[in-house]
Amino acid sequence: MEKYAFRMVLKPGQLEEYKRRHDALWPELEAALRDAGVADYSIHYDPETHHLFAVLWRRDDHDMTALPSHPVVRRWWAYMADLMETHADDSPVETPLQTVFHLQ
């Protein structure tokens, strides 16, 4: 298993709606993530910066590179685009994060 972490930016005032939409995560999106090799996924919020910090664990043989072209992922991005910073194709602006400390 490999840990992958990244940062996104939520628009101010959108936290409750962001949480509401994730509480009702589409089963077909969950299936696509799991099929791609995601085993554990959490998103954390920093209220001072409106940054979202995502951490996920994925299989060594994951296929997350196919997710951006998956129809349900494209629909989810469009659904979430009004809440966060996105690119022109509605994909979230993501910044990969480097691990600088890990206690096991």
PDB file of N, CA and C in Angstrom:
ATOM      1  N   MET A   1       0.851  -1.193   0.000  1.00  0.00           N
ATOM      2  CA  MET A   1       0.000   0.000   0.000  1.00  0.00           C
ATOM      3  C   MET A   1       0.888   1.243   0.000  1.00  0.00           C
ATOM      4  N   GLU A   2       0.394   2.253  -0.681  1.00  0.00           N
ATOM      5  CA  GLU A   2       1.094   3.518  -0.790  1.00  0.00           C
ATOM      6  C   GLU A   2       0.178   4.629  -0.282  1.00  0.00           C
ATOM      7  N   LYS A   3       0.729   5.558   0.501  1.00  0.00           N
ATOM      8  CA  LYS A   3      -0.031   6.712   0.958  1.00  0.00           C
ATOM      9  C   LYS A   3       0.180   7.858  -0.027  1.00  0.00           C
ATOM     10  N   TYR A   4      -0.906   8.541  -0.366  1.00  0.00           N
ATOM     11  CA  TYR A   4      -0.838   9.688  -1.268  1.00  0.00           C
ATOM     12  C   TYR A   4      -1.605  10.826  -0.613  1.00  0.00           C
ATOM     13  N   ALA A   5      -0.999  12.000  -0.554  1.00  0.00           N
ATOM     14  CA  ALA A   5      -1.632  13.160   0.075  1.00  0.00           C
ATOM     15  C   ALA A   5      -1.605  14.337  -0.891  1.00  0.00           C
ATOM     16  N   PHE A   6      -2.660  15.142  -0.843  1.00  0.00           N
ATOM     17  CA  PHE A   6      -2.714  16.320  -1.701  1.00  0.00           C
ATOM     18  C   PHE A   6      -3.598  17.375  -1.052  1.00  0.00           C
ATOM     19  N   ARG A   7      -3.470  18.608  -1.564  1.00  0.00           N
ATOM     20  CA  ARG A   7      -4.200  19.757  -1.049  1.00  0.00           C
ATOM     21  C   ARG A   7      -5.119  20.291  -2.133  1.00  0.00           C
ATOM     22  N   MET A   8      -6.316  20.723  -1.715  1.00  0.00           N
ATOM     23  CA  MET A   8      -7.259  21.409  -2.587  1.00  0.00           C
ATOM     24  C   MET A   8      -7.719  22.663  -1.848  1.00  0.00           C
ATOM     25  N   VAL A   9      -8.469  23.520  -2.508  1.00  0.00           N
ATOM     26  CA  VAL A   9      -8.926  24.765  -1.877  1.00  0.00           C
ATOM     27  C   VAL A   9     -10.440  24.865  -1.987  1.00  0.00           C
ATOM     28  N   LEU A  10     -11.072  25.017  -0.839  1.00  0.00           N
ATOM     29  CA  LEU A  10     -12.515  25.186  -0.757  1.00  0.00           C
ATOM     30  C   LEU A  10     -12.837  26.679  -0.784  1.00  0.00           C
ATOM     31  N   LYS A  11     -13.892  27.054  -1.467  1.00  0.00           N
ATOM     32  CA  LYS A  11     -14.313  28.449  -1.470  1.00  0.00           C
ATOM     33  C   LYS A  11     -14.872  28.800  -0.089  1.00  0.00           C
ATOM     34  N   PRO A  12     -14.632  30.019   0.392  1.00  0.00           N
ATOM     35  CA  PRO A  12     -15.135  30.417   1.703  1.00  0.00           C
ATOM     36  C   PRO A  12     -16.645  30.213   1.820  1.00  0.00           C
ATOM     37  N   GLY A  13     -17.071  29.745   2.984  1.00  0.00           N
ATOM     38  CA  GLY A  13     -18.486  29.559   3.263  1.00  0.00           C
ATOM     39  C   GLY A  13     -19.095  28.283   2.699  1.00  0.00           C
ATOM     40  N   GLN A  14     -18.283  27.413   2.138  1.00  0.00           N
ATOM     41  CA  GLN A  14     -18.811  26.218   1.481  1.00  0.00           C
ATOM     42  C   GLN A  14     -18.584  24.916   2.262  1.00  0.00           C
ATOM     43  N   LEU A  15     -18.042  25.002   3.469  1.00  0.00           N
ATOM     44  CA  LEU A  15     -17.705  23.790   4.205  1.00  0.00           C
ATOM     45  C   LEU A  15     -18.915  22.899   4.467  1.00  0.00           C
ATOM     46  N   GLU A  16     -20.004  23.453   4.945  1.00  0.00           N
ATOM     47  CA  GLU A  16     -21.169  22.621   5.281  1.00  0.00           C
ATOM     48  C   GLU A  16     -21.736  21.927   4.050  1.00  0.00           C
ATOM     49  N   GLU A  17     -21.793  22.628   2.932  1.00  0.00           N
ATOM     50  CA  GLU A  17     -22.291  22.012   1.703  1.00  0.00           C
ATOM     51  C   GLU A  17     -21.315  20.941   1.208  1.00  0.00           C
ATOM     52  N   TYR A  18     -20.038  21.202   1.318  1.00  0.00           N
ATOM     53  CA  TYR A  18     -19.018  20.219   0.929  1.00  0.00           C
ATOM     54  C   TYR A  18     -19.187  18.936   1.751  1.00  0.00           C
ATOM     55  N   LYS A  19     -19.359  19.112   3.056  1.00  0.00           N
ATOM     56  CA  LYS A  19     -19.566  17.951   3.928  1.00  0.00           C
ATOM     57  C   LYS A  19     -20.872  17.239   3.588  1.00  0.00           C
ATOM     58  N   ARG A  20     -21.931  17.986   3.349  1.00  0.00           N
ATOM     59  CA  ARG A  20     -23.220  17.382   3.028  1.00  0.00           C
ATOM     60  C   ARG A  20     -23.128  16.516   1.776  1.00  0.00           C
ATOM     61  N   ARG A  21     -22.478  17.035   0.758  1.00  0.00           N
ATOM     62  CA  ARG A  21     -22.355  16.267  -0.486  1.00  0.00           C
ATOM     63  C   ARG A  21     -21.498  15.019  -0.291  1.00  0.00           C
ATOM     64  N   HIS A  22     -20.465  15.113   0.518  1.00  0.00           N
ATOM     65  CA  HIS A  22     -19.632  13.932   0.759  1.00  0.00           C
ATOM     66  C   HIS A  22     -20.332  12.921   1.672  1.00  0.00           C
ATOM     67  N   ASP A  23     -21.184  13.390   2.561  1.00  0.00           N
ATOM     68  CA  ASP A  23     -21.959  12.464   3.400  1.00  0.00           C
ATOM     69  C   ASP A  23     -22.913  11.623   2.559  1.00  0.00           C
ATOM     70  N   ALA A  24     -23.252  12.132   1.382  1.00  0.00           N
ATOM     71  CA  ALA A  24     -24.146  11.408   0.467  1.00  0.00           C
ATOM     72  C   ALA A  24     -23.366  10.963  -0.777  1.00  0.00           C
ATOM     73  N   LEU A  25     -22.140  10.535  -0.554  1.00  0.00           N
ATOM     74  CA  LEU A  25     -21.275  10.119  -1.673  1.00  0.00           C
ATOM     75  C   LEU A  25     -21.981   9.096  -2.544  1.00  0.00           C
ATOM     76  N   TRP A  26     -21.913   9.290  -3.838  1.00  0.00           N
ATOM     77  CA  TRP A  26     -22.565   8.388  -4.776  1.00  0.00           C
ATOM     78  C   TRP A  26     -21.937   7.001  -4.705  1.00  0.00           C
ATOM     79  N   PRO A  27     -22.727   5.961  -4.598  1.00  0.00           N
ATOM     80  CA  PRO A  27     -22.172   4.598  -4.555  1.00  0.00           C
ATOM     81  C   PRO A  27     -21.316   4.270  -5.772  1.00  0.00           C
ATOM     82  N   GLU A  28     -21.686   4.775  -6.945  1.00  0.00           N
ATOM     83  CA  GLU A  28     -20.896   4.480  -8.143  1.00  0.00           C
ATOM     84  C   GLU A  28     -19.541   5.187  -8.115  1.00  0.00           C
ATOM     85  N   LEU A  29     -19.439   6.336  -7.422  1.00  0.00           N
ATOM     86  CA  LEU A  29     -18.147   6.998  -7.259  1.00  0.00           C
ATOM     87  C   LEU A  29     -17.281   6.208  -6.285  1.00  0.00           C
ATOM     88  N   GLU A  30     -17.881   5.779  -5.184  1.00  0.00           N
ATOM     89  CA  GLU A  30     -17.136   4.951  -4.233  1.00  0.00           C
ATOM     90  C   GLU A  30     -16.612   3.689  -4.927  1.00  0.00           C
ATOM     91  N   ALA A  31     -17.445   3.061  -5.747  1.00  0.00           N
ATOM     92  CA  ALA A  31     -17.025   1.851  -6.460  1.00  0.00           C
ATOM     93  C   ALA A  31     -15.869   2.151  -7.414  1.00  0.00           C
ATOM     94  N   ALA A  32     -15.925   3.285  -8.114  1.00  0.00           N
ATOM     95  CA  ALA A  32     -14.849   3.643  -9.037  1.00  0.00           C
ATOM     96  C   ALA A  32     -13.533   3.847  -8.292  1.00  0.00           C
ATOM     97  N   LEU A  33     -13.602   4.508  -7.141  1.00  0.00           N
ATOM     98  CA  LEU A  33     -12.392   4.717  -6.339  1.00  0.00           C
ATOM     99  C   LEU A  33     -11.821   3.388  -5.852  1.00  0.00           C
ATOM    100  N   ARG A  34     -12.686   2.546  -5.329  1.00  0.00           N
ATOM    101  CA  ARG A  34     -12.213   1.247  -4.834  1.00  0.00           C
ATOM    102  C   ARG A  34     -11.665   0.390  -5.979  1.00  0.00           C
ATOM    103  N   ASP A  35     -12.341   0.401  -7.118  1.00  0.00           N
ATOM    104  CA  ASP A  35     -11.868  -0.357  -8.271  1.00  0.00           C
ATOM    105  C   ASP A  35     -10.505   0.139  -8.747  1.00  0.00           C
ATOM    106  N   ALA A  36     -10.236   1.431  -8.556  1.00  0.00           N
ATOM    107  CA  ALA A  36      -8.953   2.006  -8.956  1.00  0.00           C
ATOM    108  C   ALA A  36      -7.845   1.712  -7.953  1.00  0.00           C
ATOM    109  N   GLY A  37      -8.207   1.137  -6.791  1.00  0.00           N
ATOM    110  CA  GLY A  37      -7.189   0.761  -5.820  1.00  0.00           C
ATOM    111  C   GLY A  37      -7.160   1.585  -4.555  1.00  0.00           C
ATOM    112  N   VAL A  38      -8.130   2.479  -4.368  1.00  0.00           N
ATOM    113  CA  VAL A  38      -8.180   3.297  -3.154  1.00  0.00           C
ATOM    114  C   VAL A  38      -8.804   2.477  -2.032  1.00  0.00           C
ATOM    115  N   ALA A  39      -8.090   2.375  -0.911  1.00  0.00           N
ATOM    116  CA  ALA A  39      -8.569   1.557   0.203  1.00  0.00           C
ATOM    117  C   ALA A  39      -9.032   2.409   1.386  1.00  0.00           C
ATOM    118  N   ASP A  40      -8.508   3.589   1.536  1.00  0.00           N
ATOM    119  CA  ASP A  40      -8.803   4.444   2.686  1.00  0.00           C
ATOM    120  C   ASP A  40      -8.596   5.876   2.215  1.00  0.00           C
ATOM    121  N   TYR A  41      -9.589   6.755   2.443  1.00  0.00           N
ATOM    122  CA  TYR A  41      -9.519   8.109   1.900  1.00  0.00           C
ATOM    123  C   TYR A  41     -10.148   9.048   2.921  1.00  0.00           C
ATOM    124  N   SER A  42      -9.402  10.052   3.347  1.00  0.00           N
ATOM    125  CA  SER A  42      -9.960  11.053   4.251  1.00  0.00           C
ATOM    126  C   SER A  42      -9.572  12.442   3.764  1.00  0.00           C
ATOM    127  N   ILE A  43     -10.437  13.413   4.069  1.00  0.00           N
ATOM    128  CA  ILE A  43     -10.198  14.800   3.691  1.00  0.00           C
ATOM    129  C   ILE A  43     -10.349  15.642   4.959  1.00  0.00           C
ATOM    130  N   HIS A  44      -9.391  16.533   5.171  1.00  0.00           N
ATOM    131  CA  HIS A  44      -9.343  17.362   6.377  1.00  0.00           C
ATOM    132  C   HIS A  44      -9.368  18.834   5.967  1.00  0.00           C
ATOM    133  N   TYR A  45      -9.935  19.670   6.825  1.00  0.00           N
ATOM    134  CA  TYR A  45     -10.155  21.082   6.493  1.00  0.00           C
ATOM    135  C   TYR A  45      -9.392  21.998   7.443  1.00  0.00           C
ATOM    136  N   ASP A  46      -8.747  23.020   6.881  1.00  0.00           N
ATOM    137  CA  ASP A  46      -8.090  24.066   7.663  1.00  0.00           C
ATOM    138  C   ASP A  46      -8.930  25.339   7.518  1.00  0.00           C
ATOM    139  N   PRO A  47      -9.657  25.738   8.570  1.00  0.00           N
ATOM    140  CA  PRO A  47     -10.553  26.894   8.463  1.00  0.00           C
ATOM    141  C   PRO A  47      -9.841  28.223   8.240  1.00  0.00           C
ATOM    142  N   GLU A  48      -8.568  28.316   8.594  1.00  0.00           N
ATOM    143  CA  GLU A  48      -7.846  29.576   8.401  1.00  0.00           C
ATOM    144  C   GLU A  48      -7.508  29.827   6.937  1.00  0.00           C
ATOM    145  N   THR A  49      -7.227  28.766   6.194  1.00  0.00           N
ATOM    146  CA  THR A  49      -6.796  28.917   4.800  1.00  0.00           C
ATOM    147  C   THR A  49      -7.828  28.408   3.801  1.00  0.00           C
ATOM    148  N   HIS A  50      -8.845  27.708   4.278  1.00  0.00           N
ATOM    149  CA  HIS A  50      -9.853  27.046   3.437  1.00  0.00           C
ATOM    150  C   HIS A  50      -9.244  25.902   2.613  1.00  0.00           C
ATOM    151  N   HIS A  51      -8.098  25.424   3.059  1.00  0.00           N
ATOM    152  CA  HIS A  51      -7.453  24.314   2.359  1.00  0.00           C
ATOM    153  C   HIS A  51      -8.034  22.993   2.837  1.00  0.00           C
ATOM    154  N   LEU A  52      -8.175  22.094   1.885  1.00  0.00           N
ATOM    155  CA  LEU A  52      -8.580  20.714   2.151  1.00  0.00           C
ATOM    156  C   LEU A  52      -7.344  19.845   1.982  1.00  0.00           C
ATOM    157  N   PHE A  53      -7.069  19.021   2.963  1.00  0.00           N
ATOM    158  CA  PHE A  53      -5.921  18.122   2.901  1.00  0.00           C
ATOM    159  C   PHE A  53      -6.454  16.704   2.790  1.00  0.00           C
ATOM    160  N   ALA A  54      -6.164  16.069   1.686  1.00  0.00           N
ATOM    161  CA  ALA A  54      -6.657  14.718   1.429  1.00  0.00           C
ATOM    162  C   ALA A  54      -5.513  13.728   1.597  1.00  0.00           C
ATOM    163  N   VAL A  55      -5.832  12.606   2.227  1.00  0.00           N
ATOM    164  CA  VAL A  55      -4.872  11.520   2.402  1.00  0.00           C
ATOM    165  C   VAL A  55      -5.584  10.242   2.009  1.00  0.00           C
ATOM    166  N   LEU A  56      -4.956   9.484   1.137  1.00  0.00           N
ATOM    167  CA  LEU A  56      -5.548   8.200   0.771  1.00  0.00           C
ATOM    168  C   LEU A  56      -4.475   7.135   0.696  1.00  0.00           C
ATOM    169  N   TRP A  57      -4.910   5.934   0.894  1.00  0.00           N
ATOM    170  CA  TRP A  57      -4.049   4.766   0.735  1.00  0.00           C
ATOM    171  C   TRP A  57      -4.517   4.042  -0.513  1.00  0.00           C
ATOM    172  N   ARG A  58      -3.557   3.671  -1.343  1.00  0.00           N
ATOM    173  CA  ARG A  58      -3.884   2.972  -2.575  1.00  0.00           C
ATOM    174  C   ARG A  58      -2.975   1.762  -2.750  1.00  0.00           C
ATOM    175  N   ARG A  59      -3.528   0.762  -3.424  1.00  0.00           N
ATOM    176  CA  ARG A  59      -2.745  -0.440  -3.689  1.00  0.00           C
ATOM    177  C   ARG A  59      -1.511  -0.082  -4.519  1.00  0.00           C
ATOM    178  N   ASP A  60      -0.481  -0.878  -4.385  1.00  0.00           N
ATOM    179  CA  ASP A  60       0.722  -0.663  -5.190  1.00  0.00           C
ATOM    180  C   ASP A  60       0.414  -0.762  -6.679  1.00  0.00           C
ATOM    181  N   ASP A  61      -0.563  -1.588  -7.043  1.00  0.00           N
ATOM    182  CA  ASP A  61      -0.943  -1.754  -8.446  1.00  0.00           C
ATOM    183  C   ASP A  61      -2.173  -0.905  -8.801  1.00  0.00           C
ATOM    184  N   HIS A  62      -2.340   0.229  -8.124  1.00  0.00           N
ATOM    185  CA  HIS A  62      -3.515   1.084  -8.337  1.00  0.00           C
ATOM    186  C   HIS A  62      -3.602   1.549  -9.786  1.00  0.00           C
ATOM    187  N   ASP A  63      -4.803   1.984 -10.167  1.00  0.00           N
ATOM    188  CA  ASP A  63      -5.034   2.532 -11.502  1.00  0.00           C
ATOM    189  C   ASP A  63      -5.723   3.884 -11.384  1.00  0.00           C
ATOM    190  N   MET A  64      -5.210   4.735 -10.490  1.00  0.00           N
ATOM    191  CA  MET A  64      -5.816   6.051 -10.308  1.00  0.00           C
ATOM    192  C   MET A  64      -5.622   6.951 -11.522  1.00  0.00           C
ATOM    193  N   THR A  65      -4.674   6.641 -12.377  1.00  0.00           N
ATOM    194  CA  THR A  65      -4.451   7.472 -13.559  1.00  0.00           C
ATOM    195  C   THR A  65      -5.651   7.427 -14.507  1.00  0.00           C
ATOM    196  N   ALA A  66      -6.470   6.382 -14.406  1.00  0.00           N
ATOM    197  CA  ALA A  66      -7.660   6.274 -15.265  1.00  0.00           C
ATOM    198  C   ALA A  66      -8.858   7.045 -14.705  1.00  0.00           C
ATOM    199  N   LEU A  67      -8.805   7.429 -13.437  1.00  0.00           N
ATOM    200  CA  LEU A  67      -9.965   8.085 -12.822  1.00  0.00           C
ATOM    201  C   LEU A  67     -10.393   9.388 -13.499  1.00  0.00           C
ATOM    202  N   PRO A  68      -9.482  10.262 -13.916  1.00  0.00           N
ATOM    203  CA  PRO A  68      -9.931  11.524 -14.526  1.00  0.00           C
ATOM    204  C   PRO A  68     -10.791  11.359 -15.775  1.00  0.00           C
ATOM    205  N   SER A  69     -10.726  10.238 -16.435  1.00  0.00           N
ATOM    206  CA  SER A  69     -11.559  10.028 -17.621  1.00  0.00           C
ATOM    207  C   SER A  69     -12.803   9.190 -17.329  1.00  0.00           C
ATOM    208  N   HIS A  70     -12.958   8.749 -16.083  1.00  0.00           N
ATOM    209  CA  HIS A  70     -14.122   7.937 -15.707  1.00  0.00           C
ATOM    210  C   HIS A  70     -15.370   8.830 -15.693  1.00  0.00           C
ATOM    211  N   PRO A  71     -16.465   8.416 -16.336  1.00  0.00           N
ATOM    212  CA  PRO A  71     -17.672   9.265 -16.405  1.00  0.00           C
ATOM    213  C   PRO A  71     -18.214   9.699 -15.047  1.00  0.00           C
ATOM    214  N   VAL A  72     -18.209   8.840 -14.061  1.00  0.00           N
ATOM    215  CA  VAL A  72     -18.756   9.238 -12.753  1.00  0.00           C
ATOM    216  C   VAL A  72     -17.848  10.254 -12.064  1.00  0.00           C
ATOM    217  N   VAL A  73     -16.549  10.140 -12.261  1.00  0.00           N
ATOM    218  CA  VAL A  73     -15.622  11.126 -11.704  1.00  0.00           C
ATOM    219  C   VAL A  73     -15.846  12.470 -12.382  1.00  0.00           C
ATOM    220  N   ARG A  74     -16.037  12.493 -13.672  1.00  0.00           N
ATOM    221  CA  ARG A  74     -16.305  13.740 -14.403  1.00  0.00           C
ATOM    222  C   ARG A  74     -17.598  14.394 -13.901  1.00  0.00           C
ATOM    223  N   ARG A  75     -18.633  13.579 -13.662  1.00  0.00           N
ATOM    224  CA  ARG A  75     -19.900  14.112 -13.136  1.00  0.00           C
ATOM    225  C   ARG A  75     -19.713  14.679 -11.733  1.00  0.00           C
ATOM    226  N   TRP A  76     -18.938  13.969 -10.887  1.00  0.00           N
ATOM    227  CA  TRP A  76     -18.685  14.427  -9.518  1.00  0.00           C
ATOM    228  C   TRP A  76     -17.937  15.755  -9.544  1.00  0.00           C
ATOM    229  N   TRP A  77     -16.935  15.859 -10.387  1.00  0.00           N
ATOM    230  CA  TRP A  77     -16.192  17.121 -10.479  1.00  0.00           C
ATOM    231  C   TRP A  77     -17.119  18.262 -10.867  1.00  0.00           C
ATOM    232  N   ALA A  78     -17.993  18.056 -11.833  1.00  0.00           N
ATOM    233  CA  ALA A  78     -18.934  19.097 -12.238  1.00  0.00           C
ATOM    234  C   ALA A  78     -19.872  19.461 -11.090  1.00  0.00           C
ATOM    235  N   TYR A  79     -20.293  18.451 -10.334  1.00  0.00           N
ATOM    236  CA  TYR A  79     -21.182  18.639  -9.198  1.00  0.00           C
ATOM    237  C   TYR A  79     -20.510  19.451  -8.088  1.00  0.00           C
ATOM    238  N   MET A  80     -19.202  19.280  -7.910  1.00  0.00           N
ATOM    239  CA  MET A  80     -18.466  19.939  -6.839  1.00  0.00           C
ATOM    240  C   MET A  80     -17.825  21.256  -7.256  1.00  0.00           C
ATOM    241  N   ALA A  81     -17.824  21.571  -8.531  1.00  0.00           N
ATOM    242  CA  ALA A  81     -17.068  22.718  -9.045  1.00  0.00           C
ATOM    243  C   ALA A  81     -17.485  24.057  -8.443  1.00  0.00           C
ATOM    244  N   ASP A  82     -18.725  24.202  -8.042  1.00  0.00           N
ATOM    245  CA  ASP A  82     -19.161  25.472  -7.470  1.00  0.00           C
ATOM    246  C   ASP A  82     -18.643  25.688  -6.043  1.00  0.00           C
ATOM    247  N   LEU A  83     -18.077  24.659  -5.428  1.00  0.00           N
ATOM    248  CA  LEU A  83     -17.641  24.747  -4.042  1.00  0.00           C
ATOM    249  C   LEU A  83     -16.143  24.954  -3.867  1.00  0.00           C
ATOM    250  N   MET A  84     -15.366  24.705  -4.931  1.00  0.00           N
ATOM    251  CA  MET A  84     -13.921  24.702  -4.756  1.00  0.00           C
ATOM    252  C   MET A  84     -13.201  25.251  -5.972  1.00  0.00           C
ATOM    253  N   GLU A  85     -11.911  25.505  -5.808  1.00  0.00           N
ATOM    254  CA  GLU A  85     -11.105  25.959  -6.929  1.00  0.00           C
ATOM    255  C   GLU A  85     -10.923  24.797  -7.901  1.00  0.00           C
ATOM    256  N   THR A  86     -11.202  25.068  -9.184  1.00  0.00           N
ATOM    257  CA  THR A  86     -11.113  24.026 -10.206  1.00  0.00           C
ATOM    258  C   THR A  86     -10.412  24.554 -11.455  1.00  0.00           C
ATOM    259  N   HIS A  87     -10.019  23.617 -12.295  1.00  0.00           N
ATOM    260  CA  HIS A  87      -9.514  23.936 -13.631  1.00  0.00           C
ATOM    261  C   HIS A  87     -10.718  24.113 -14.552  1.00  0.00           C
ATOM    262  N   ALA A  88     -10.462  24.509 -15.787  1.00  0.00           N
ATOM    263  CA  ALA A  88     -11.531  24.737 -16.761  1.00  0.00           C
ATOM    264  C   ALA A  88     -12.369  23.491 -17.024  1.00  0.00           C
ATOM    265  N   ASP A  89     -11.780  22.291 -16.833  1.00  0.00           N
ATOM    266  CA  ASP A  89     -12.523  21.040 -17.059  1.00  0.00           C
ATOM    267  C   ASP A  89     -13.238  20.551 -15.802  1.00  0.00           C
ATOM    268  N   ASP A  90     -13.340  21.400 -14.773  1.00  0.00           N
ATOM    269  CA  ASP A  90     -13.979  21.119 -13.479  1.00  0.00           C
ATOM    270  C   ASP A  90     -13.149  20.240 -12.558  1.00  0.00           C
ATOM    271  N   SER A  91     -11.984  19.774 -12.997  1.00  0.00           N
ATOM    272  CA  SER A  91     -11.144  18.980 -12.092  1.00  0.00           C
ATOM    273  C   SER A  91     -10.628  19.890 -10.984  1.00  0.00           C
ATOM    274  N   PRO A  92     -10.571  19.373  -9.750  1.00  0.00           N
ATOM    275  CA  PRO A  92     -10.097  20.211  -8.658  1.00  0.00           C
ATOM    276  C   PRO A  92      -8.631  20.598  -8.849  1.00  0.00           C
ATOM    277  N   VAL A  93      -8.304  21.799  -8.432  1.00  0.00           N
ATOM    278  CA  VAL A  93      -6.902  22.198  -8.391  1.00  0.00           C
ATOM    279  C   VAL A  93      -6.279  21.427  -7.233  1.00  0.00           C
ATOM    280  N   GLU A  94      -5.366  20.538  -7.542  1.00  0.00           N
ATOM    281  CA  GLU A  94      -4.721  19.688  -6.532  1.00  0.00           C
ATOM    282  C   GLU A  94      -3.228  19.965  -6.508  1.00  0.00           C
ATOM    283  N   THR A  95      -2.685  20.015  -5.300  1.00  0.00           N
ATOM    284  CA  THR A  95      -1.252  20.143  -5.111  1.00  0.00           C
ATOM    285  C   THR A  95      -0.780  18.929  -4.338  1.00  0.00           C
ATOM    286  N   PRO A  96       0.043  18.070  -4.938  1.00  0.00           N
ATOM    287  CA  PRO A  96       0.557  16.919  -4.195  1.00  0.00           C
ATOM    288  C   PRO A  96       1.387  17.389  -2.999  1.00  0.00           C
ATOM    289  N   LEU A  97       1.307  16.660  -1.911  1.00  0.00           N
ATOM    290  CA  LEU A  97       2.041  16.998  -0.692  1.00  0.00           C
ATOM    291  C   LEU A  97       3.150  15.974  -0.455  1.00  0.00           C
ATOM    292  N   GLN A  98       4.273  16.457   0.029  1.00  0.00           N
ATOM    293  CA  GLN A  98       5.391  15.579   0.360  1.00  0.00           C
ATOM    294  C   GLN A  98       5.300  15.175   1.816  1.00  0.00           C
ATOM    295  N   THR A  99       5.560  13.909   2.081  1.00  0.00           N
ATOM    296  CA  THR A  99       5.638  13.436   3.463  1.00  0.00           C
ATOM    297  C   THR A  99       6.979  13.882   4.036  1.00  0.00           C
ATOM    298  N   VAL A 100       6.934  14.572   5.166  1.00  0.00           N
ATOM    299  CA  VAL A 100       8.171  15.010   5.812  1.00  0.00           C
ATOM    300  C   VAL A 100       8.375  14.335   7.167  1.00  0.00           C
ATOM    301  N   PHE A 101       7.337  13.659   7.658  1.00  0.00           N
ATOM    302  CA  PHE A 101       7.452  12.904   8.909  1.00  0.00           C
ATOM    303  C   PHE A 101       6.363  11.852   8.925  1.00  0.00           C
ATOM    304  N   HIS A 102       6.712  10.677   9.408  1.00  0.00           N
ATOM    305  CA  HIS A 102       5.733   9.599   9.523  1.00  0.00           C
ATOM    306  C   HIS A 102       6.143   8.716  10.692  1.00  0.00           C
ATOM    307  N   LEU A 103       5.320   8.618  11.698  1.00  0.00           N
ATOM    308  CA  LEU A 103       5.553   7.771  12.859  1.00  0.00           C
ATOM    309  C   LEU A 103       4.717   6.516  12.697  1.00  0.00           C
ATOM    310  N   GLN A 104       5.365   5.365  12.749  1.00  0.00           N
ATOM    311  CA  GLN A 104       4.641   4.098  12.647  1.00  0.00           C
ATOM    312  C   GLN A 104       4.692   3.378  13.969  1.00  0.00           C
TER     313      GLN A 104
END
